[in-house]
Protein backbone atom coordinates (compact mmCIF):
# COMPACT_ATOMS: atom_id res chain seq x y z
CA MET A 1 -40.20 15.73 -32.95
CA SER A 2 -36.96 16.65 -34.69
CA ASP A 3 -33.58 15.12 -33.86
CA LEU A 4 -32.36 18.47 -32.55
CA THR A 5 -35.26 18.69 -30.11
CA LEU A 6 -34.60 15.13 -28.89
CA ASP A 7 -30.91 15.93 -28.34
CA ARG A 8 -31.85 18.96 -26.27
CA ALA A 9 -34.36 16.93 -24.26
CA TYR A 10 -31.90 14.16 -23.37
CA ALA A 11 -28.85 16.39 -22.84
CA PRO A 12 -29.48 16.85 -19.07
CA LEU A 13 -29.77 13.08 -18.65
CA ARG A 14 -26.46 12.55 -20.43
CA ARG A 15 -24.81 15.14 -18.22
CA GLN A 16 -26.12 13.38 -15.12
CA ARG A 17 -24.76 10.01 -16.25
CA ARG A 18 -21.32 11.44 -17.01
CA LEU A 19 -18.85 10.66 -14.23
CA PRO A 20 -16.97 13.67 -12.82
CA LEU A 21 -13.29 13.88 -13.66
CA PRO A 22 -10.87 13.49 -10.73
CA PRO A 23 -9.21 16.67 -9.45
CA LEU A 24 -5.74 17.49 -10.67
CA GLY A 25 -3.99 16.06 -7.60
CA ALA A 26 -5.92 12.79 -7.75
CA SER A 27 -5.32 12.54 -11.51
CA LEU A 28 -1.56 12.96 -11.07
CA ALA A 29 -1.54 10.43 -8.23
CA LEU A 30 -3.46 7.88 -10.29
CA LEU A 31 -1.14 8.41 -13.27
CA PHE A 32 1.92 7.94 -11.08
CA LEU A 33 0.53 4.74 -9.53
CA ALA A 34 -0.39 3.45 -13.00
CA ALA A 35 3.19 4.12 -14.14
CA LEU A 36 4.51 2.23 -11.11
CA VAL A 37 2.30 -0.76 -11.87
CA LEU A 38 3.42 -0.71 -15.49
CA ALA A 39 7.07 -0.50 -14.39
CA ALA A 40 6.56 -3.44 -12.05
CA LEU A 41 4.98 -5.57 -14.78
CA LEU A 42 7.02 -4.44 -17.80
CA PRO A 43 10.22 -2.67 -16.68
CA GLN A 44 11.75 -3.07 -20.15
CA LEU A 45 9.32 -0.43 -21.41
CA PHE A 46 11.18 2.19 -19.36
CA THR A 47 14.79 1.05 -19.60
CA ARG A 48 16.89 -1.59 -21.34
CA LEU A 49 19.77 -1.40 -18.87
CA ASP A 50 20.59 -4.21 -16.47
CA PRO A 51 20.09 -3.00 -12.87
CA LEU A 52 22.85 -5.34 -11.64
CA ALA A 53 25.42 -4.68 -14.38
CA ILE A 54 28.68 -3.38 -12.87
CA VAL A 55 30.64 -0.80 -14.89
CA PRO A 56 33.50 0.45 -12.64
CA ARG A 57 34.67 3.15 -15.06
CA GLU A 58 31.22 4.83 -14.83
CA ALA A 59 31.01 4.87 -11.03
CA PHE A 60 29.58 7.96 -9.31
CA GLN A 61 28.38 9.59 -12.52
CA PRO A 62 25.99 12.49 -11.78
CA PRO A 63 22.60 12.71 -13.56
CA SER A 64 23.12 13.22 -17.28
CA TRP A 65 21.59 12.31 -20.64
CA ALA A 66 23.45 9.00 -20.58
CA HIS A 67 22.31 8.18 -17.03
CA TRP A 68 19.19 10.16 -16.15
CA LEU A 69 19.51 9.66 -12.40
CA GLY A 70 23.25 9.01 -12.25
CA THR A 71 25.17 5.87 -11.30
CA ASP A 72 26.17 4.32 -7.99
CA GLN A 73 29.56 3.29 -6.58
CA SER A 74 29.69 0.27 -8.89
CA GLY A 75 28.58 2.09 -12.03
CA ARG A 76 25.05 0.69 -11.96
CA ASP A 77 22.38 2.94 -13.46
CA ILE A 78 20.16 4.42 -10.72
CA PHE A 79 17.13 4.84 -12.99
CA ALA A 80 17.29 1.19 -14.08
CA ARG A 81 17.60 0.07 -10.47
CA ILE A 82 14.61 2.18 -9.38
CA VAL A 83 12.48 0.90 -12.27
CA HIS A 84 13.36 -2.74 -11.62
CA GLY A 85 13.02 -2.22 -7.87
CA THR A 86 9.44 -1.06 -8.30
CA ARG A 87 8.21 -4.65 -8.59
CA GLN A 88 9.87 -5.68 -5.35
CA SER A 89 8.82 -2.57 -3.41
CA LEU A 90 5.19 -2.75 -4.57
CA PHE A 91 5.05 -6.49 -3.93
CA ILE A 92 6.32 -5.99 -0.38
CA GLY A 93 3.77 -3.23 0.25
CA LEU A 94 0.83 -5.15 -1.19
CA ALA A 95 1.78 -8.47 0.42
CA ALA A 96 2.35 -6.88 3.83
CA THR A 97 -0.99 -5.04 3.64
CA ALA A 98 -2.78 -8.24 2.59
CA LEU A 99 -1.21 -10.10 5.52
CA SER A 100 -2.17 -7.31 7.93
CA MET A 101 -5.76 -7.35 6.71
CA THR A 102 -6.00 -11.16 6.88
CA ILE A 103 -4.92 -11.11 10.52
CA ALA A 104 -7.15 -8.11 11.21
CA ILE A 105 -10.25 -9.72 9.69
CA THR A 106 -9.66 -12.90 11.67
CA LEU A 107 -9.23 -11.07 14.98
CA GLY A 108 -11.98 -8.57 14.20
CA LEU A 109 -14.54 -11.27 13.41
CA LEU A 110 -13.56 -13.28 16.47
CA GLY A 111 -13.90 -10.23 18.67
CA GLY A 112 -17.09 -8.93 17.08
CA LEU A 113 -18.95 -12.23 16.74
CA GLY A 114 -17.35 -14.58 19.24
CA GLY A 115 -19.12 -13.58 22.41
CA ALA A 116 -18.15 -11.48 25.40
CA ARG A 117 -15.26 -13.62 26.65
CA LEU A 118 -13.64 -13.97 23.25
CA ASP A 119 -14.14 -10.27 22.63
CA ARG A 120 -12.34 -9.45 25.88
CA GLY A 121 -9.53 -11.82 24.92
CA VAL A 122 -9.11 -10.21 21.51
CA GLY A 123 -9.23 -6.77 23.09
CA TRP A 124 -6.55 -7.78 25.60
CA LEU A 125 -4.34 -9.15 22.81
CA LEU A 126 -4.70 -5.94 20.82
CA GLU A 127 -3.82 -3.86 23.86
CA VAL A 128 -0.65 -5.91 24.35
CA LEU A 129 0.31 -5.47 20.70
CA PHE A 130 -0.42 -1.75 20.87
CA ALA A 131 2.00 -1.50 23.78
CA PHE A 132 4.78 -1.98 21.22
CA PRO A 133 5.15 0.59 18.43
CA SER A 134 4.49 -1.04 15.07
CA LEU A 135 7.98 -0.46 13.72
CA VAL A 136 9.55 -1.79 16.94
CA LEU A 137 7.40 -4.93 16.65
CA ALA A 138 8.58 -5.39 13.07
CA LEU A 139 12.20 -4.85 14.11
CA LEU A 140 11.83 -7.45 16.85
CA PHE A 141 10.47 -10.04 14.42
CA VAL A 142 13.22 -9.46 11.86
CA ALA A 143 15.90 -9.52 14.54
CA VAL A 144 14.65 -12.93 15.74
CA PHE A 145 13.92 -14.63 12.39
CA GLY A 146 16.57 -12.98 10.21
CA SER A 147 16.53 -10.66 7.20
CA GLY A 148 15.18 -11.22 3.71
CA ILE A 149 12.07 -10.53 1.68
CA GLY A 150 9.91 -13.14 3.43
CA PRO A 151 10.66 -12.03 7.01
CA LEU A 152 10.39 -8.41 5.86
CA ILE A 153 6.84 -8.94 4.55
CA ILE A 154 5.78 -10.85 7.66
CA ALA A 155 7.33 -8.28 9.99
CA THR A 156 5.69 -5.35 8.19
CA GLY A 157 2.35 -7.19 8.07
CA LEU A 158 2.45 -8.00 11.77
CA GLY A 159 3.34 -4.41 12.59
CA GLY A 160 0.26 -3.05 10.83
CA ALA A 161 -2.19 -5.76 11.88
CA PRO A 162 -3.22 -4.43 15.34
CA GLY A 163 -4.48 -1.11 13.98
CA TYR A 164 -6.48 -2.78 11.22
CA ALA A 165 -7.85 -5.36 13.66
CA ARG A 166 -9.21 -2.68 15.97
CA MET A 167 -10.95 -0.95 13.05
CA VAL A 168 -12.42 -4.22 11.72
CA ARG A 169 -13.68 -5.14 15.19
CA GLY A 170 -15.34 -1.75 15.56
CA GLN A 171 -17.00 -2.02 12.15
CA VAL A 172 -18.25 -5.55 12.87
CA LEU A 173 -19.74 -4.42 16.18
CA ALA A 174 -21.48 -1.54 14.38
CA VAL A 175 -22.87 -3.69 11.55
CA ARG A 176 -23.78 -6.98 13.24
CA ASN A 177 -27.12 -5.67 14.59
CA ALA A 178 -28.14 -3.84 11.42
CA GLY A 179 -31.60 -4.46 10.00
CA TYR A 180 -30.46 -6.38 6.92
CA ILE A 181 -28.41 -8.72 9.13
CA GLU A 182 -31.43 -9.42 11.31
CA ALA A 183 -33.54 -9.98 8.18
CA ALA A 184 -31.01 -12.49 6.82
CA ARG A 185 -31.07 -14.36 10.11
CA ALA A 186 -34.87 -14.38 10.14
CA LEU A 187 -34.87 -15.87 6.63
CA GLY A 188 -32.76 -18.76 7.90
CA HIS A 189 -29.54 -17.96 6.03
CA PRO A 190 -26.50 -19.78 7.43
CA THR A 191 -24.05 -17.78 9.51
CA SER A 192 -21.20 -18.23 7.04
CA ARG A 193 -23.31 -16.78 4.22
CA ILE A 194 -24.38 -13.82 6.36
CA VAL A 195 -20.79 -13.09 7.32
CA LEU A 196 -19.39 -13.38 3.78
CA ARG A 197 -22.21 -11.69 1.84
CA GLN A 198 -23.70 -9.14 4.18
CA LEU A 199 -21.61 -8.43 7.26
CA LEU A 200 -18.05 -8.48 5.94
CA PRO A 201 -18.59 -6.42 2.75
CA ASN A 202 -20.48 -3.70 4.64
CA ALA A 203 -17.97 -3.70 7.49
CA MET A 204 -15.01 -3.50 5.10
CA ARG A 205 -16.33 -0.70 2.90
CA PRO A 206 -15.17 2.16 5.18
CA LEU A 207 -11.72 0.51 5.40
CA VAL A 208 -11.00 0.72 1.67
CA VAL A 209 -9.44 4.14 2.14
CA THR A 210 -7.30 2.90 5.03
CA LEU A 211 -6.10 -0.05 2.97
CA THR A 212 -5.12 2.21 0.09
CA MET A 213 -3.05 4.36 2.40
CA GLY A 214 -1.71 1.27 4.15
CA VAL A 215 0.14 0.15 1.03
CA GLY A 216 2.22 3.33 1.07
CA GLN A 217 2.80 3.02 4.80
CA ALA A 218 3.94 -0.60 4.37
CA ILE A 219 6.41 0.48 1.68
CA VAL A 220 7.82 3.11 4.04
CA TRP A 221 8.20 0.60 6.88
CA ALA A 222 9.78 -2.01 4.61
CA SER A 223 12.18 0.60 3.23
CA ALA A 224 13.08 1.63 6.78
CA LEU A 225 13.89 -1.97 7.70
CA SER A 226 15.92 -2.41 4.50
CA PHE A 227 17.74 0.84 5.26
CA LEU A 228 18.76 -0.68 8.60
CA GLY A 229 20.08 -3.76 6.81
CA LEU A 230 17.18 -6.02 7.83
CA GLY A 231 15.41 -6.30 4.48
CA ALA A 232 16.47 -7.22 0.98
CA ARG A 233 20.16 -8.00 0.72
CA PRO A 234 22.44 -5.88 -1.49
CA PRO A 235 22.77 -5.47 -4.40
CA ALA A 236 19.02 -6.06 -4.80
CA PRO A 237 17.36 -3.08 -6.52
CA GLU A 238 14.97 -2.43 -3.65
CA TRP A 239 14.38 1.20 -2.74
CA GLY A 240 15.23 0.87 0.96
CA THR A 241 18.33 -1.17 0.15
CA MET A 242 19.43 1.51 -2.33
CA LEU A 243 19.08 4.11 0.44
CA SER A 244 21.20 1.96 2.73
CA MET A 245 23.90 1.44 0.09
CA GLY A 246 24.10 5.15 -0.74
CA ARG A 247 24.18 6.63 2.77
CA ASP A 248 27.98 6.29 3.03
CA PHE A 249 28.42 8.49 -0.05
CA ILE A 250 25.70 11.07 0.61
CA ALA A 251 28.19 13.93 0.98
CA ASN A 252 29.76 13.42 -2.46
CA ALA A 253 27.03 11.60 -4.43
CA TRP A 254 23.68 12.97 -3.28
CA TRP A 255 21.75 11.27 -6.09
CA LEU A 256 22.37 7.80 -4.61
CA THR A 257 19.89 8.46 -1.82
CA PHE A 258 17.86 11.38 -3.17
CA PHE A 259 16.10 9.59 -6.02
CA PRO A 260 15.18 6.34 -4.19
CA GLY A 261 13.89 8.45 -1.30
CA LEU A 262 11.97 10.65 -3.73
CA PHE A 263 10.18 7.64 -5.22
CA ILE A 264 9.30 6.36 -1.74
CA VAL A 265 7.82 9.76 -0.85
CA LEU A 266 5.94 10.10 -4.15
CA THR A 267 4.51 6.58 -3.83
CA THR A 268 3.30 7.23 -0.29
CA LEU A 269 1.88 10.61 -1.30
CA SER A 270 0.11 9.10 -4.32
CA THR A 271 -1.52 6.33 -2.28
CA THR A 272 -2.65 8.89 0.31
CA VAL A 273 -4.15 11.23 -2.30
CA THR A 274 -5.83 8.29 -4.04
CA GLY A 275 -7.26 7.10 -0.74
CA ARG A 276 -8.67 10.55 0.02
CA TYR A 277 -10.23 10.70 -3.43
CA ILE A 278 -11.85 7.28 -2.96
CA GLN A 279 -13.18 8.43 0.41
CA GLN A 280 -14.73 11.51 -1.14
CA ARG A 281 -16.33 9.39 -3.86
CA LEU A 282 -17.78 6.96 -1.34
CA GLU A 283 -19.12 9.76 0.85
CA GLY A 284 -20.47 11.75 -2.11
CA ARG A 285 -18.49 14.87 -1.22
CA LEU A 286 -17.09 15.48 -4.72
CA PRO A 287 -18.48 18.53 -6.54
């Protein structure tokens, strides 16, 4: 058989193995998130300017070739501050989401595997937490323990934990009586191994999309707390803090709040689009 005939014979197999390209929206969202990660790790690739350098003679400069996104009331470059603030904003979002999920997994496993009484106790605790809006709960924590990055992460993580805990508990209840769990028990596997290798991975798989979107939501909540003066302290280049510092000059220097707010919106939108794309891939609904 000739090489040309072999190529024609195996062409359908190669087409089946080829992964489909993401849609345009998902591709743009992934590119934007990749740029944010790169800016968080290597901000010097995007700008050489110091985000904290004060240049009074260049205060309130509108966007130009010299300062792409303008300058603030102290002459600091807005683009440099947004780039360097990416690390802090992403770290807050990721750390708060990780804290929320840690609390949620603990409560979800206790409620799903701990028996009827413990399940009722966890359910009662979640109902009490749900009585307070998440942002109000975060505000309460920060008001009691003070402002700063640490309290901001804990407050945002605690605010998102009840919703994740309810979802984890529901997934554990749905998976714990599955056939492969019963088979693992019949084979004499220890409970810890069953939980870590069978139950938890299968219970967490549907929550991957929620976690992806949760990072963007955590960034929004953290920015809201910083905007209220309960987060990172000025002049830290954190997006919510930049919004708070620029709100007094919004009538005359719109760029002080527009561009930090734009990056918050684009980050949240990108995480949402990425989460939807992952959901479609997991459910096999992509063309």
